[in-house]
Amino acid sequence: MYQKIIETKITQCNYNELSEEYKKLVETAKNQVEKAYAPYSKFHVGAAVQLENGEVFAASNQENSAYPSGLCAERVAMFFANAQYPETPVRTLAIAAFTNGNFLKSPISPCGACRQVLLETEARFEKNIATILYGSEQIYIIDNVKQMLPLCFEKSSLDIKTD
């Protein structure tokens, strides 16, 4: 028996340390929280996806009283971008959350379902997706989705090998 150590690299910074491109994407995600439909959780999330061609797609979470029927901001933005430009890789994703009249001080990360969709998008285009998780007091930058989902289920998982 042995232990396997899995590490995740996260860059922590504040807003002023972001590049102008990242600031613009974060602002786009922040603006989307106003468009969220979150009457049940009161937790508004905005996401902005930037493609390699520079196009930006923004979205917000959309809840439903039948909770599984709602959709997170990250998936709404990602699916919209992929539907409009199915051959163009995603470069960057920014996420911001707002509740009780304020943006969260610490960043939130995508839920498991969103992480799986983001991972599939990374694999689809064979390109890393940088992810910016916004918090008003700290921001995390993660170089690729696999950093957020190290023990992931991916295409190679379907290659069933038996003894």
N, C-alpha and C. Protein backbone atom coordinates (compact mmCIF):
# COMPACT_ATOMS: atom_id res chain seq x y z
N MET A 1 0.85 -1.17 0.00
CA MET A 1 0.00 0.00 0.00
C MET A 1 0.90 1.24 0.00
N TYR A 2 0.41 2.27 -0.68
CA TYR A 2 1.15 3.53 -0.69
C TYR A 2 0.15 4.68 -0.77
N GLN A 3 0.62 5.86 -0.44
CA GLN A 3 -0.22 7.04 -0.52
C GLN A 3 0.12 7.81 -1.78
N LYS A 4 -0.90 8.30 -2.41
CA LYS A 4 -0.73 9.15 -3.58
C LYS A 4 -1.14 10.56 -3.17
N ILE A 5 -0.30 11.51 -3.40
CA ILE A 5 -0.60 12.90 -3.07
C ILE A 5 -0.98 13.64 -4.34
N ILE A 6 -2.12 14.27 -4.29
CA ILE A 6 -2.62 15.03 -5.43
C ILE A 6 -2.63 16.49 -5.01
N GLU A 7 -1.95 17.34 -5.76
CA GLU A 7 -1.87 18.75 -5.44
C GLU A 7 -2.63 19.58 -6.47
N THR A 8 -3.17 20.68 -6.01
CA THR A 8 -3.84 21.62 -6.88
C THR A 8 -3.13 22.95 -6.79
N LYS A 9 -2.76 23.49 -7.93
CA LYS A 9 -2.09 24.79 -7.97
C LYS A 9 -3.14 25.88 -8.18
N ILE A 10 -3.20 26.81 -7.22
CA ILE A 10 -4.12 27.94 -7.29
C ILE A 10 -3.31 29.21 -7.07
N THR A 11 -3.44 30.15 -7.97
CA THR A 11 -2.81 31.45 -7.79
C THR A 11 -3.82 32.36 -7.10
N GLN A 12 -3.44 32.94 -5.98
CA GLN A 12 -4.31 33.86 -5.27
C GLN A 12 -3.81 35.28 -5.48
N CYS A 13 -4.74 36.18 -5.79
CA CYS A 13 -4.36 37.57 -6.01
C CYS A 13 -5.52 38.47 -5.63
N ASN A 14 -5.34 39.76 -5.81
CA ASN A 14 -6.45 40.69 -5.65
C ASN A 14 -6.78 41.28 -7.02
N TYR A 15 -7.87 42.00 -7.08
CA TYR A 15 -8.36 42.52 -8.36
C TYR A 15 -7.32 43.35 -9.09
N ASN A 16 -6.60 44.21 -8.38
CA ASN A 16 -5.62 45.10 -9.02
C ASN A 16 -4.45 44.35 -9.65
N GLU A 17 -4.24 43.11 -9.25
CA GLU A 17 -3.15 42.32 -9.82
C GLU A 17 -3.55 41.58 -11.09
N LEU A 18 -4.81 41.62 -11.45
CA LEU A 18 -5.27 40.95 -12.67
C LEU A 18 -4.84 41.72 -13.90
N SER A 19 -4.67 41.01 -15.00
CA SER A 19 -4.42 41.67 -16.28
C SER A 19 -5.69 42.41 -16.69
N GLU A 20 -5.58 43.34 -17.61
CA GLU A 20 -6.75 44.07 -18.09
C GLU A 20 -7.76 43.12 -18.72
N GLU A 21 -7.28 42.12 -19.43
CA GLU A 21 -8.17 41.13 -20.06
C GLU A 21 -8.96 40.38 -19.00
N TYR A 22 -8.29 39.95 -17.93
CA TYR A 22 -8.96 39.22 -16.86
C TYR A 22 -9.93 40.13 -16.11
N LYS A 23 -9.55 41.38 -15.88
CA LYS A 23 -10.45 42.33 -15.21
C LYS A 23 -11.74 42.49 -16.00
N LYS A 24 -11.62 42.63 -17.30
CA LYS A 24 -12.79 42.80 -18.16
C LYS A 24 -13.71 41.58 -18.08
N LEU A 25 -13.12 40.39 -18.08
CA LEU A 25 -13.92 39.17 -18.00
C LEU A 25 -14.59 39.04 -16.64
N VAL A 26 -13.88 39.39 -15.58
CA VAL A 26 -14.46 39.37 -14.23
C VAL A 26 -15.62 40.35 -14.15
N GLU A 27 -15.46 41.54 -14.69
CA GLU A 27 -16.54 42.54 -14.67
C GLU A 27 -17.77 42.03 -15.43
N THR A 28 -17.53 41.34 -16.52
CA THR A 28 -18.64 40.77 -17.28
C THR A 28 -19.37 39.73 -16.44
N ALA A 29 -18.64 38.87 -15.75
CA ALA A 29 -19.26 37.87 -14.87
C ALA A 29 -20.01 38.55 -13.73
N LYS A 30 -19.41 39.57 -13.14
CA LYS A 30 -20.06 40.30 -12.04
C LYS A 30 -21.37 40.93 -12.50
N ASN A 31 -21.39 41.49 -13.69
CA ASN A 31 -22.61 42.11 -14.21
C ASN A 31 -23.73 41.11 -14.43
N GLN A 32 -23.37 39.87 -14.67
CA GLN A 32 -24.38 38.84 -14.93
C GLN A 32 -25.18 38.45 -13.69
N VAL A 33 -24.64 38.69 -12.50
CA VAL A 33 -25.39 38.29 -11.29
C VAL A 33 -26.74 39.00 -11.23
N GLU A 34 -26.82 40.19 -11.82
CA GLU A 34 -28.07 40.94 -11.83
C GLU A 34 -29.14 40.25 -12.67
N LYS A 35 -28.71 39.39 -13.57
CA LYS A 35 -29.63 38.72 -14.49
C LYS A 35 -30.01 37.32 -14.01
N ALA A 36 -29.45 36.91 -12.88
CA ALA A 36 -29.75 35.58 -12.36
C ALA A 36 -31.22 35.47 -11.96
N TYR A 37 -31.76 34.28 -12.13
CA TYR A 37 -33.09 33.98 -11.63
C TYR A 37 -32.88 33.02 -10.47
N ALA A 38 -32.86 33.56 -9.26
CA ALA A 38 -32.54 32.76 -8.08
C ALA A 38 -33.51 33.06 -6.93
N PRO A 39 -34.82 32.86 -7.17
CA PRO A 39 -35.79 33.19 -6.13
C PRO A 39 -35.76 32.23 -4.94
N TYR A 40 -35.16 31.07 -5.08
CA TYR A 40 -35.17 30.07 -4.02
C TYR A 40 -33.91 30.15 -3.16
N SER A 41 -32.76 30.14 -3.79
CA SER A 41 -31.51 30.16 -3.04
C SER A 41 -31.06 31.58 -2.69
N LYS A 42 -31.52 32.57 -3.47
CA LYS A 42 -31.07 33.96 -3.34
C LYS A 42 -29.55 34.07 -3.56
N PHE A 43 -29.00 33.11 -4.24
CA PHE A 43 -27.56 33.03 -4.51
C PHE A 43 -27.37 33.26 -6.00
N HIS A 44 -26.94 34.45 -6.37
CA HIS A 44 -26.82 34.85 -7.77
C HIS A 44 -25.39 34.62 -8.25
N VAL A 45 -25.27 33.91 -9.35
CA VAL A 45 -23.95 33.60 -9.90
C VAL A 45 -23.89 34.08 -11.34
N GLY A 46 -22.78 34.70 -11.69
CA GLY A 46 -22.53 35.13 -13.06
C GLY A 46 -21.28 34.47 -13.58
N ALA A 47 -21.27 34.16 -14.85
CA ALA A 47 -20.11 33.54 -15.48
C ALA A 47 -19.88 34.19 -16.84
N ALA A 48 -18.61 34.28 -17.21
CA ALA A 48 -18.24 34.80 -18.52
C ALA A 48 -17.19 33.87 -19.12
N VAL A 49 -17.40 33.50 -20.35
CA VAL A 49 -16.51 32.59 -21.07
C VAL A 49 -15.88 33.37 -22.22
N GLN A 50 -14.56 33.31 -22.32
CA GLN A 50 -13.88 33.93 -23.46
C GLN A 50 -13.29 32.83 -24.33
N LEU A 51 -13.61 32.89 -25.61
CA LEU A 51 -13.09 31.92 -26.57
C LEU A 51 -11.75 32.39 -27.12
N GLU A 52 -11.05 31.50 -27.79
CA GLU A 52 -9.75 31.85 -28.37
C GLU A 52 -9.87 32.95 -29.42
N ASN A 53 -11.03 33.07 -30.06
CA ASN A 53 -11.21 34.11 -31.07
C ASN A 53 -11.58 35.46 -30.45
N GLY A 54 -11.62 35.53 -29.11
CA GLY A 54 -11.92 36.77 -28.41
C GLY A 54 -13.38 36.98 -28.06
N GLU A 55 -14.27 36.18 -28.65
CA GLU A 55 -15.69 36.31 -28.34
C GLU A 55 -15.92 36.00 -26.87
N VAL A 56 -16.83 36.74 -26.25
CA VAL A 56 -17.18 36.54 -24.84
C VAL A 56 -18.66 36.23 -24.73
N PHE A 57 -18.98 35.21 -23.96
CA PHE A 57 -20.36 34.82 -23.70
C PHE A 57 -20.57 34.86 -22.20
N ALA A 58 -21.64 35.50 -21.77
CA ALA A 58 -21.90 35.65 -20.35
C ALA A 58 -23.27 35.08 -20.03
N ALA A 59 -23.42 34.60 -18.79
CA ALA A 59 -24.69 34.00 -18.38
C ALA A 59 -24.80 34.05 -16.86
N SER A 60 -25.99 33.68 -16.38
CA SER A 60 -26.26 33.64 -14.95
C SER A 60 -26.99 32.35 -14.63
N ASN A 61 -27.05 32.05 -13.32
CA ASN A 61 -27.77 30.84 -12.92
C ASN A 61 -29.27 31.05 -13.10
N GLN A 62 -29.96 29.97 -13.40
CA GLN A 62 -31.39 29.99 -13.65
C GLN A 62 -32.03 28.87 -12.84
N GLU A 63 -32.70 29.23 -11.75
CA GLU A 63 -33.29 28.24 -10.86
C GLU A 63 -34.69 27.84 -11.31
N ASN A 64 -35.15 26.76 -10.71
CA ASN A 64 -36.48 26.25 -10.96
C ASN A 64 -36.97 25.64 -9.65
N SER A 65 -38.26 25.71 -9.38
CA SER A 65 -38.76 25.15 -8.13
C SER A 65 -38.50 23.65 -8.04
N ALA A 66 -38.38 22.98 -9.17
CA ALA A 66 -37.92 21.59 -9.20
C ALA A 66 -36.40 21.68 -9.35
N TYR A 67 -35.69 21.79 -8.22
CA TYR A 67 -34.27 22.14 -8.20
C TYR A 67 -33.40 21.48 -9.27
N PRO A 68 -33.54 20.21 -9.55
CA PRO A 68 -32.64 19.66 -10.58
C PRO A 68 -32.87 20.25 -11.97
N SER A 69 -33.97 20.95 -12.14
CA SER A 69 -34.27 21.51 -13.46
C SER A 69 -33.58 22.84 -13.72
N GLY A 70 -33.00 23.45 -12.71
CA GLY A 70 -32.27 24.70 -12.89
C GLY A 70 -30.92 24.43 -13.51
N LEU A 71 -30.19 25.51 -13.78
CA LEU A 71 -28.87 25.35 -14.39
C LEU A 71 -27.94 26.43 -13.87
N CYS A 72 -26.72 26.02 -13.58
CA CYS A 72 -25.70 26.93 -13.06
C CYS A 72 -25.21 27.88 -14.16
N ALA A 73 -24.71 29.03 -13.74
CA ALA A 73 -24.22 30.05 -14.67
C ALA A 73 -23.10 29.51 -15.56
N GLU A 74 -22.21 28.71 -14.98
CA GLU A 74 -21.06 28.20 -15.73
C GLU A 74 -21.50 27.35 -16.91
N ARG A 75 -22.46 26.46 -16.66
CA ARG A 75 -22.94 25.60 -17.76
C ARG A 75 -23.74 26.38 -18.78
N VAL A 76 -24.56 27.33 -18.33
CA VAL A 76 -25.32 28.15 -19.28
C VAL A 76 -24.35 28.86 -20.23
N ALA A 77 -23.32 29.50 -19.66
CA ALA A 77 -22.34 30.24 -20.48
C ALA A 77 -21.57 29.30 -21.40
N MET A 78 -21.11 28.18 -20.86
CA MET A 78 -20.30 27.26 -21.65
C MET A 78 -21.10 26.65 -22.79
N PHE A 79 -22.32 26.21 -22.50
CA PHE A 79 -23.14 25.60 -23.56
C PHE A 79 -23.50 26.63 -24.62
N PHE A 80 -23.78 27.85 -24.21
CA PHE A 80 -24.11 28.92 -25.17
C PHE A 80 -22.91 29.19 -26.07
N ALA A 81 -21.72 29.31 -25.49
CA ALA A 81 -20.51 29.57 -26.27
C ALA A 81 -20.24 28.42 -27.24
N ASN A 82 -20.34 27.19 -26.75
CA ASN A 82 -20.08 26.03 -27.61
C ASN A 82 -21.12 25.87 -28.71
N ALA A 83 -22.35 26.28 -28.43
CA ALA A 83 -23.40 26.20 -29.46
C ALA A 83 -23.17 27.23 -30.56
N GLN A 84 -22.65 28.39 -30.20
CA GLN A 84 -22.42 29.45 -31.19
C GLN A 84 -21.13 29.23 -31.98
N TYR A 85 -20.11 28.71 -31.32
CA TYR A 85 -18.80 28.50 -31.94
C TYR A 85 -18.31 27.09 -31.61
N PRO A 86 -18.91 26.07 -32.20
CA PRO A 86 -18.59 24.69 -31.83
C PRO A 86 -17.16 24.25 -32.15
N GLU A 87 -16.45 25.00 -32.97
CA GLU A 87 -15.09 24.62 -33.33
C GLU A 87 -14.03 25.50 -32.67
N THR A 88 -14.45 26.44 -31.82
CA THR A 88 -13.52 27.38 -31.22
C THR A 88 -13.28 27.05 -29.75
N PRO A 89 -12.03 26.82 -29.38
CA PRO A 89 -11.72 26.48 -27.99
C PRO A 89 -12.02 27.62 -27.02
N VAL A 90 -12.32 27.23 -25.81
CA VAL A 90 -12.52 28.18 -24.71
C VAL A 90 -11.16 28.48 -24.11
N ARG A 91 -10.89 29.75 -23.88
CA ARG A 91 -9.61 30.17 -23.29
C ARG A 91 -9.73 30.39 -21.78
N THR A 92 -10.79 31.13 -21.38
CA THR A 92 -10.88 31.55 -19.98
C THR A 92 -12.34 31.58 -19.53
N LEU A 93 -12.55 31.28 -18.25
CA LEU A 93 -13.85 31.34 -17.61
C LEU A 93 -13.70 32.17 -16.34
N ALA A 94 -14.62 33.11 -16.12
CA ALA A 94 -14.64 33.89 -14.88
C ALA A 94 -15.98 33.66 -14.20
N ILE A 95 -15.95 33.54 -12.86
CA ILE A 95 -17.16 33.27 -12.08
C ILE A 95 -17.21 34.23 -10.89
N ALA A 96 -18.39 34.79 -10.64
CA ALA A 96 -18.61 35.67 -9.49
C ALA A 96 -19.95 35.31 -8.86
N ALA A 97 -20.05 35.44 -7.53
CA ALA A 97 -21.29 35.14 -6.82
C ALA A 97 -21.69 36.31 -5.92
N PHE A 98 -22.99 36.49 -5.78
CA PHE A 98 -23.56 37.63 -5.07
C PHE A 98 -24.73 37.14 -4.23
N THR A 99 -24.76 37.49 -2.96
CA THR A 99 -25.90 37.13 -2.10
C THR A 99 -26.00 38.13 -0.95
N ASN A 100 -27.18 38.27 -0.41
CA ASN A 100 -27.41 39.21 0.70
C ASN A 100 -26.88 40.61 0.42
N GLY A 101 -26.99 41.06 -0.82
CA GLY A 101 -26.61 42.41 -1.17
C GLY A 101 -25.14 42.66 -1.44
N ASN A 102 -24.34 41.59 -1.45
CA ASN A 102 -22.89 41.77 -1.66
C ASN A 102 -22.28 40.62 -2.45
N PHE A 103 -21.16 40.93 -3.09
CA PHE A 103 -20.36 39.86 -3.68
C PHE A 103 -19.69 39.11 -2.54
N LEU A 104 -19.47 37.82 -2.73
CA LEU A 104 -18.79 37.04 -1.70
C LEU A 104 -17.36 37.53 -1.53
N LYS A 105 -16.86 37.54 -0.30
CA LYS A 105 -15.49 37.97 -0.04
C LYS A 105 -14.50 36.95 -0.59
N SER A 106 -14.82 35.67 -0.43
CA SER A 106 -13.97 34.59 -0.94
C SER A 106 -14.61 33.99 -2.17
N PRO A 107 -13.80 33.50 -3.09
CA PRO A 107 -14.36 32.94 -4.32
C PRO A 107 -15.14 31.65 -4.07
N ILE A 108 -16.07 31.38 -4.95
CA ILE A 108 -16.73 30.07 -4.97
C ILE A 108 -16.18 29.30 -6.16
N SER A 109 -16.24 28.00 -6.07
CA SER A 109 -15.79 27.19 -7.19
C SER A 109 -17.01 26.53 -7.83
N PRO A 110 -16.87 26.09 -9.07
CA PRO A 110 -17.99 25.43 -9.74
C PRO A 110 -18.41 24.16 -9.01
N CYS A 111 -19.70 23.83 -9.10
CA CYS A 111 -20.19 22.58 -8.52
C CYS A 111 -19.62 21.39 -9.31
N GLY A 112 -19.84 20.22 -8.81
CA GLY A 112 -19.31 19.02 -9.46
C GLY A 112 -19.81 18.83 -10.88
N ALA A 113 -21.10 19.08 -11.10
CA ALA A 113 -21.66 18.93 -12.46
C ALA A 113 -21.00 19.92 -13.41
N CYS A 114 -20.80 21.15 -12.96
CA CYS A 114 -20.15 22.15 -13.81
C CYS A 114 -18.70 21.76 -14.08
N ARG A 115 -18.01 21.27 -13.07
CA ARG A 115 -16.62 20.86 -13.26
C ARG A 115 -16.53 19.77 -14.32
N GLN A 116 -17.48 18.85 -14.30
CA GLN A 116 -17.48 17.76 -15.28
C GLN A 116 -17.69 18.32 -16.69
N VAL A 117 -18.60 19.26 -16.85
CA VAL A 117 -18.84 19.88 -18.16
C VAL A 117 -17.61 20.66 -18.61
N LEU A 118 -17.00 21.40 -17.69
CA LEU A 118 -15.80 22.16 -18.03
C LEU A 118 -14.66 21.23 -18.43
N LEU A 119 -14.53 20.13 -17.72
CA LEU A 119 -13.50 19.14 -18.05
C LEU A 119 -13.71 18.57 -19.45
N GLU A 120 -14.96 18.27 -19.77
CA GLU A 120 -15.28 17.74 -21.10
C GLU A 120 -14.94 18.77 -22.18
N THR A 121 -15.18 20.04 -21.91
CA THR A 121 -14.86 21.09 -22.87
C THR A 121 -13.35 21.19 -23.06
N GLU A 122 -12.61 21.09 -21.98
CA GLU A 122 -11.15 21.09 -22.08
C GLU A 122 -10.68 19.92 -22.95
N ALA A 123 -11.22 18.75 -22.70
CA ALA A 123 -10.84 17.56 -23.46
C ALA A 123 -11.27 17.68 -24.93
N ARG A 124 -12.44 18.21 -25.15
CA ARG A 124 -12.99 18.37 -26.50
C ARG A 124 -12.03 19.15 -27.41
N PHE A 125 -11.47 20.22 -26.86
CA PHE A 125 -10.60 21.08 -27.65
C PHE A 125 -9.11 20.84 -27.40
N GLU A 126 -8.81 19.95 -26.45
CA GLU A 126 -7.42 19.65 -26.07
C GLU A 126 -6.67 20.93 -25.72
N LYS A 127 -7.36 21.82 -24.98
CA LYS A 127 -6.79 23.10 -24.55
C LYS A 127 -7.21 23.35 -23.10
N ASN A 128 -6.27 23.85 -22.32
CA ASN A 128 -6.59 24.22 -20.95
C ASN A 128 -7.53 25.41 -20.91
N ILE A 129 -8.41 25.41 -19.92
CA ILE A 129 -9.30 26.54 -19.67
C ILE A 129 -8.85 27.17 -18.36
N ALA A 130 -8.33 28.39 -18.43
CA ALA A 130 -7.98 29.11 -17.21
C ALA A 130 -9.28 29.56 -16.56
N THR A 131 -9.36 29.43 -15.24
CA THR A 131 -10.58 29.78 -14.52
C THR A 131 -10.26 30.82 -13.46
N ILE A 132 -11.03 31.91 -13.49
CA ILE A 132 -10.86 33.00 -12.53
C ILE A 132 -12.07 32.95 -11.60
N LEU A 133 -11.81 32.71 -10.32
CA LEU A 133 -12.87 32.66 -9.32
C LEU A 133 -12.80 33.95 -8.52
N TYR A 134 -13.81 34.79 -8.68
CA TYR A 134 -13.80 36.12 -8.08
C TYR A 134 -14.37 36.13 -6.66
N GLY A 135 -13.67 36.79 -5.78
CA GLY A 135 -14.14 37.15 -4.45
C GLY A 135 -13.71 38.58 -4.24
N SER A 136 -14.49 39.37 -3.51
CA SER A 136 -14.16 40.79 -3.37
C SER A 136 -12.85 41.01 -2.60
N GLU A 137 -12.45 40.06 -1.76
CA GLU A 137 -11.21 40.21 -1.01
C GLU A 137 -10.06 39.34 -1.52
N GLN A 138 -10.40 38.33 -2.30
CA GLN A 138 -9.37 37.49 -2.90
C GLN A 138 -9.91 36.83 -4.16
N ILE A 139 -9.02 36.58 -5.07
CA ILE A 139 -9.36 35.96 -6.35
C ILE A 139 -8.45 34.76 -6.53
N TYR A 140 -9.01 33.67 -7.04
CA TYR A 140 -8.21 32.50 -7.38
C TYR A 140 -8.14 32.37 -8.89
N ILE A 141 -6.96 32.02 -9.38
CA ILE A 141 -6.79 31.71 -10.80
C ILE A 141 -6.27 30.28 -10.87
N ILE A 142 -6.96 29.47 -11.63
CA ILE A 142 -6.61 28.06 -11.78
C ILE A 142 -6.31 27.82 -13.24
N ASP A 143 -5.16 27.23 -13.53
CA ASP A 143 -4.68 27.10 -14.91
C ASP A 143 -5.50 26.17 -15.79
N ASN A 144 -6.09 25.14 -15.19
CA ASN A 144 -6.90 24.21 -15.98
C ASN A 144 -7.94 23.54 -15.10
N VAL A 145 -8.94 23.01 -15.72
CA VAL A 145 -10.07 22.42 -15.00
C VAL A 145 -9.65 21.17 -14.24
N LYS A 146 -8.73 20.42 -14.78
CA LYS A 146 -8.31 19.18 -14.11
C LYS A 146 -7.75 19.46 -12.72
N GLN A 147 -7.24 20.68 -12.50
CA GLN A 147 -6.78 21.06 -11.17
C GLN A 147 -7.93 21.05 -10.16
N MET A 148 -9.15 21.33 -10.63
CA MET A 148 -10.32 21.36 -9.75
C MET A 148 -11.00 20.00 -9.64
N LEU A 149 -10.62 19.07 -10.49
CA LEU A 149 -11.28 17.76 -10.51
C LEU A 149 -10.22 16.69 -10.78
N PRO A 150 -9.28 16.52 -9.84
CA PRO A 150 -8.14 15.63 -10.10
C PRO A 150 -8.50 14.16 -10.28
N LEU A 151 -9.46 13.66 -9.58
CA LEU A 151 -9.89 12.27 -9.76
C LEU A 151 -11.15 12.29 -10.61
N CYS A 152 -10.97 12.63 -11.86
CA CYS A 152 -12.11 12.88 -12.73
C CYS A 152 -12.52 11.64 -13.53
N PHE A 153 -13.75 11.70 -13.99
CA PHE A 153 -14.28 10.71 -14.91
C PHE A 153 -14.18 11.34 -16.29
N GLU A 154 -13.40 10.72 -17.15
CA GLU A 154 -13.19 11.28 -18.48
C GLU A 154 -13.29 10.18 -19.53
N LYS A 155 -13.08 10.55 -20.78
CA LYS A 155 -13.23 9.61 -21.88
C LYS A 155 -12.43 8.33 -21.66
N SER A 156 -11.20 8.46 -21.17
CA SER A 156 -10.37 7.27 -20.93
C SER A 156 -10.96 6.36 -19.86
N SER A 157 -11.83 6.89 -19.01
CA SER A 157 -12.48 6.08 -17.98
C SER A 157 -13.43 5.07 -18.61
N LEU A 158 -13.87 5.34 -19.80
CA LEU A 158 -14.79 4.44 -20.50
C LEU A 158 -14.06 3.27 -21.17
N ASP A 159 -12.76 3.34 -21.23
CA ASP A 159 -11.98 2.24 -21.78
C ASP A 159 -11.84 1.16 -20.71
N ILE A 160 -12.81 0.29 -20.66
CA ILE A 160 -12.87 -0.72 -19.61
C ILE A 160 -11.84 -1.80 -19.87
N LYS A 161 -10.99 -1.97 -18.87
CA LYS A 161 -9.96 -3.00 -18.94
C LYS A 161 -10.23 -4.02 -17.85
N THR A 162 -10.15 -5.25 -18.20
CA THR A 162 -10.34 -6.32 -17.22
C THR A 162 -9.11 -7.21 -17.21
N ASP A 163 -9.02 -7.99 -16.16
CA ASP A 163 -7.86 -8.90 -16.05
C ASP A 163 -7.94 -10.04 -17.02
